[in-house]
Every structure is written in structure tokens, then in C-alpha cells.
Amino acid sequence: MKTKTVNISLPPQVLEMIDLRARQEYKSRSDLIREAALEYVRKQNNWELFRLEAARRAKELGIRTEDDVEEMIDSMRRSRKR
């Protein structure tokens, strides 16, 4: 994999924590930061996909506001009590 070098600024305490974790996992500082950045981007992408799917489903169900959600929950609770 081709890589590019970037410079970042970190507080000394954060860099110490990164270095400690890298030593514990027998990784380089770069490997640890690279993996953390990739994990962050993947999680954000997953959340965005989840958000888009939830918005699609809400539209299908006619949910437009938080009040609609509360009304739907109340309605389900009322029907369960019967």
C-alpha cells in the first residue's frame, strides 16, 4: 500500500498514551495512528449508512418529527394493554 507522510500536532500527554499503547501492542506509532484513523472513518461511514436507512424507514412510516415517534410508541403501548 502506497502511503503519504502527514504532520499532526498532539498534546504531549496524548502522544505518551499513543506510544504506550503502541509498545503494548508491538506496533509502531504510525501503525497505531493509521489503524485508529481508519477505524474512526469506518465507524463514521457505518453511522452515516445507518442514519440514511433510518431516515428512509421513517419516511416510509410517515414519521416526520419526534412527536410522531412518541405518538407511535404511545399507540403501541395502548394496543398492548388491551
N, C-alpha and C. Protein backbone atom coordinates (compact mmCIF):
# COMPACT_ATOMS: atom_id res chain seq x y z
N MET A 1 0.84 -1.17 0.00
CA MET A 1 0.00 0.00 0.00
C MET A 1 0.89 1.24 0.00
N LYS A 2 0.62 2.13 -0.94
CA LYS A 2 1.37 3.37 -1.00
C LYS A 2 0.91 4.30 0.11
N THR A 3 1.83 4.98 0.74
CA THR A 3 1.48 5.87 1.84
C THR A 3 2.00 7.27 1.57
N LYS A 4 1.40 8.23 2.26
CA LYS A 4 1.86 9.62 2.24
C LYS A 4 2.17 10.02 3.68
N THR A 5 3.15 10.85 3.83
CA THR A 5 3.52 11.34 5.15
C THR A 5 2.72 12.61 5.44
N VAL A 6 2.17 12.67 6.65
CA VAL A 6 1.45 13.86 7.10
C VAL A 6 1.99 14.27 8.46
N ASN A 7 1.83 15.51 8.78
CA ASN A 7 2.24 16.02 10.09
C ASN A 7 0.99 16.36 10.88
N ILE A 8 0.95 15.95 12.13
CA ILE A 8 -0.15 16.31 13.02
C ILE A 8 0.44 16.82 14.32
N SER A 9 -0.34 17.62 15.01
CA SER A 9 0.07 18.13 16.32
C SER A 9 -0.78 17.46 17.38
N LEU A 10 -0.12 16.96 18.41
CA LEU A 10 -0.81 16.30 19.51
C LEU A 10 -0.27 16.81 20.83
N PRO A 11 -1.13 16.91 21.82
CA PRO A 11 -0.61 17.26 23.15
C PRO A 11 0.35 16.16 23.62
N PRO A 12 1.37 16.54 24.38
CA PRO A 12 2.36 15.55 24.83
C PRO A 12 1.73 14.35 25.55
N GLN A 13 0.69 14.60 26.36
CA GLN A 13 0.07 13.51 27.11
C GLN A 13 -0.58 12.49 26.15
N VAL A 14 -1.18 12.99 25.08
CA VAL A 14 -1.81 12.10 24.10
C VAL A 14 -0.74 11.27 23.40
N LEU A 15 0.34 11.91 23.02
CA LEU A 15 1.43 11.18 22.36
C LEU A 15 2.01 10.11 23.29
N GLU A 16 2.12 10.42 24.57
CA GLU A 16 2.61 9.42 25.53
C GLU A 16 1.67 8.22 25.59
N MET A 17 0.35 8.48 25.59
CA MET A 17 -0.62 7.38 25.62
C MET A 17 -0.54 6.54 24.35
N ILE A 18 -0.36 7.21 23.22
CA ILE A 18 -0.23 6.51 21.94
C ILE A 18 1.02 5.64 21.95
N ASP A 19 2.13 6.21 22.39
CA ASP A 19 3.38 5.45 22.42
C ASP A 19 3.29 4.26 23.36
N LEU A 20 2.65 4.44 24.50
CA LEU A 20 2.49 3.33 25.45
C LEU A 20 1.66 2.21 24.82
N ARG A 21 0.53 2.59 24.22
CA ARG A 21 -0.33 1.58 23.61
C ARG A 21 0.40 0.90 22.46
N ALA A 22 1.14 1.64 21.67
CA ALA A 22 1.89 1.05 20.55
C ALA A 22 2.90 0.02 21.07
N ARG A 23 3.60 0.35 22.14
CA ARG A 23 4.56 -0.61 22.72
C ARG A 23 3.84 -1.86 23.23
N GLN A 24 2.70 -1.65 23.89
CA GLN A 24 1.94 -2.79 24.42
C GLN A 24 1.46 -3.74 23.31
N GLU A 25 1.18 -3.17 22.15
CA GLU A 25 0.68 -3.96 21.03
C GLU A 25 1.77 -4.31 20.02
N TYR A 26 3.03 -3.98 20.35
CA TYR A 26 4.16 -4.25 19.47
C TYR A 26 3.94 -3.66 18.08
N LYS A 27 3.51 -2.41 18.05
CA LYS A 27 3.26 -1.71 16.80
C LYS A 27 4.05 -0.41 16.80
N SER A 28 4.21 0.12 15.63
CA SER A 28 4.82 1.45 15.55
C SER A 28 3.77 2.51 15.85
N ARG A 29 4.22 3.68 16.18
CA ARG A 29 3.31 4.79 16.41
C ARG A 29 2.48 5.03 15.16
N SER A 30 3.12 5.01 14.00
CA SER A 30 2.39 5.23 12.75
C SER A 30 1.32 4.17 12.51
N ASP A 31 1.65 2.91 12.78
CA ASP A 31 0.66 1.84 12.60
C ASP A 31 -0.55 2.05 13.50
N LEU A 32 -0.28 2.40 14.76
CA LEU A 32 -1.37 2.59 15.70
C LEU A 32 -2.27 3.76 15.28
N ILE A 33 -1.68 4.89 14.91
CA ILE A 33 -2.46 6.05 14.50
C ILE A 33 -3.21 5.75 13.20
N ARG A 34 -2.56 5.06 12.27
CA ARG A 34 -3.20 4.69 11.00
C ARG A 34 -4.42 3.82 11.25
N GLU A 35 -4.27 2.80 12.11
CA GLU A 35 -5.39 1.92 12.42
C GLU A 35 -6.52 2.68 13.12
N ALA A 36 -6.17 3.57 14.03
CA ALA A 36 -7.19 4.34 14.75
C ALA A 36 -7.95 5.25 13.79
N ALA A 37 -7.24 5.89 12.88
CA ALA A 37 -7.89 6.78 11.92
C ALA A 37 -8.81 5.99 11.00
N LEU A 38 -8.36 4.84 10.54
CA LEU A 38 -9.18 4.01 9.67
C LEU A 38 -10.43 3.53 10.39
N GLU A 39 -10.28 3.12 11.63
CA GLU A 39 -11.43 2.67 12.43
C GLU A 39 -12.43 3.81 12.62
N TYR A 40 -11.93 5.00 12.88
CA TYR A 40 -12.80 6.15 13.04
C TYR A 40 -13.60 6.42 11.76
N VAL A 41 -12.92 6.42 10.63
CA VAL A 41 -13.60 6.68 9.35
C VAL A 41 -14.63 5.59 9.07
N ARG A 42 -14.29 4.34 9.31
CA ARG A 42 -15.24 3.24 9.10
C ARG A 42 -16.48 3.39 9.97
N LYS A 43 -16.28 3.72 11.25
CA LYS A 43 -17.42 3.90 12.16
C LYS A 43 -18.30 5.05 11.69
N GLN A 44 -17.69 6.14 11.28
CA GLN A 44 -18.47 7.28 10.81
C GLN A 44 -19.26 6.91 9.56
N ASN A 45 -18.65 6.15 8.66
CA ASN A 45 -19.36 5.70 7.46
C ASN A 45 -20.52 4.79 7.83
N ASN A 46 -20.31 3.89 8.78
CA ASN A 46 -21.38 3.00 9.21
C ASN A 46 -22.53 3.78 9.83
N TRP A 47 -22.20 4.78 10.66
CA TRP A 47 -23.25 5.61 11.26
C TRP A 47 -24.02 6.37 10.20
N GLU A 48 -23.33 6.85 9.17
CA GLU A 48 -23.99 7.59 8.11
C GLU A 48 -24.93 6.66 7.33
N LEU A 49 -24.49 5.44 7.06
CA LEU A 49 -25.37 4.48 6.38
C LEU A 49 -26.57 4.16 7.25
N PHE A 50 -26.36 3.98 8.55
CA PHE A 50 -27.45 3.71 9.48
C PHE A 50 -28.44 4.88 9.49
N ARG A 51 -27.90 6.10 9.55
CA ARG A 51 -28.75 7.29 9.58
C ARG A 51 -29.60 7.40 8.31
N LEU A 52 -28.98 7.12 7.17
CA LEU A 52 -29.72 7.19 5.90
C LEU A 52 -30.82 6.14 5.85
N GLU A 53 -30.52 4.93 6.31
CA GLU A 53 -31.53 3.86 6.33
C GLU A 53 -32.65 4.19 7.30
N ALA A 54 -32.30 4.73 8.46
CA ALA A 54 -33.32 5.11 9.44
C ALA A 54 -34.21 6.22 8.88
N ALA A 55 -33.62 7.17 8.18
CA ALA A 55 -34.41 8.26 7.58
C ALA A 55 -35.35 7.69 6.51
N ARG A 56 -34.88 6.75 5.73
CA ARG A 56 -35.73 6.12 4.71
C ARG A 56 -36.90 5.41 5.34
N ARG A 57 -36.62 4.63 6.40
CA ARG A 57 -37.69 3.89 7.08
C ARG A 57 -38.68 4.84 7.75
N ALA A 58 -38.17 5.90 8.36
CA ALA A 58 -39.05 6.88 9.00
C ALA A 58 -40.00 7.49 7.97
N LYS A 59 -39.47 7.80 6.80
CA LYS A 59 -40.30 8.37 5.74
C LYS A 59 -41.38 7.38 5.32
N GLU A 60 -41.00 6.11 5.18
CA GLU A 60 -41.97 5.06 4.82
C GLU A 60 -43.09 4.97 5.85
N LEU A 61 -42.73 5.14 7.12
CA LEU A 61 -43.71 5.02 8.20
C LEU A 61 -44.45 6.33 8.48
N GLY A 62 -44.10 7.37 7.76
CA GLY A 62 -44.76 8.65 7.97
C GLY A 62 -44.28 9.41 9.18
N ILE A 63 -43.11 9.09 9.66
CA ILE A 63 -42.53 9.76 10.82
C ILE A 63 -41.76 10.99 10.33
N ARG A 64 -42.17 12.15 10.83
CA ARG A 64 -41.51 13.39 10.41
C ARG A 64 -40.89 14.14 11.59
N THR A 65 -41.45 13.93 12.77
CA THR A 65 -40.96 14.67 13.94
C THR A 65 -40.81 13.71 15.13
N GLU A 66 -40.19 14.20 16.20
CA GLU A 66 -40.08 13.41 17.43
C GLU A 66 -41.46 13.14 18.01
N ASP A 67 -42.37 14.10 17.83
CA ASP A 67 -43.74 13.90 18.32
C ASP A 67 -44.39 12.70 17.63
N ASP A 68 -44.09 12.52 16.34
CA ASP A 68 -44.63 11.36 15.62
C ASP A 68 -44.13 10.05 16.24
N VAL A 69 -42.87 10.04 16.63
CA VAL A 69 -42.29 8.84 17.25
C VAL A 69 -42.98 8.58 18.59
N GLU A 70 -43.13 9.63 19.38
CA GLU A 70 -43.77 9.46 20.69
C GLU A 70 -45.21 8.97 20.53
N GLU A 71 -45.92 9.50 19.57
CA GLU A 71 -47.30 9.06 19.32
C GLU A 71 -47.34 7.60 18.89
N MET A 72 -46.39 7.19 18.07
CA MET A 72 -46.33 5.80 17.62
C MET A 72 -46.07 4.87 18.81
N ILE A 73 -45.16 5.27 19.69
CA ILE A 73 -44.85 4.46 20.87
C ILE A 73 -46.07 4.38 21.79
N ASP A 74 -46.71 5.52 22.03
CA ASP A 74 -47.91 5.54 22.88
C ASP A 74 -49.00 4.65 22.30
N SER A 75 -49.17 4.71 20.99
CA SER A 75 -50.19 3.89 20.33
C SER A 75 -49.90 2.40 20.50
N MET A 76 -48.63 2.03 20.34
CA MET A 76 -48.25 0.62 20.51
C MET A 76 -48.48 0.17 21.95
N ARG A 77 -48.15 1.03 22.90
CA ARG A 77 -48.35 0.68 24.31
C ARG A 77 -49.83 0.51 24.62
N ARG A 78 -50.66 1.40 24.07
CA ARG A 78 -52.10 1.29 24.31
C ARG A 78 -52.65 -0.01 23.73
N SER A 79 -52.17 -0.37 22.54
CA SER A 79 -52.68 -1.60 21.91
C SER A 79 -52.23 -2.85 22.66
N ARG A 80 -51.07 -2.82 23.31
CA ARG A 80 -50.57 -3.96 24.07
C ARG A 80 -51.35 -4.16 25.37
N LYS A 81 -51.86 -3.05 25.92
CA LYS A 81 -52.61 -3.13 27.18
C LYS A 81 -53.97 -3.78 26.98
N ARG A 82 -54.46 -3.77 25.78
CA ARG A 82 -55.80 -4.31 25.50
C ARG A 82 -55.81 -5.79 25.49
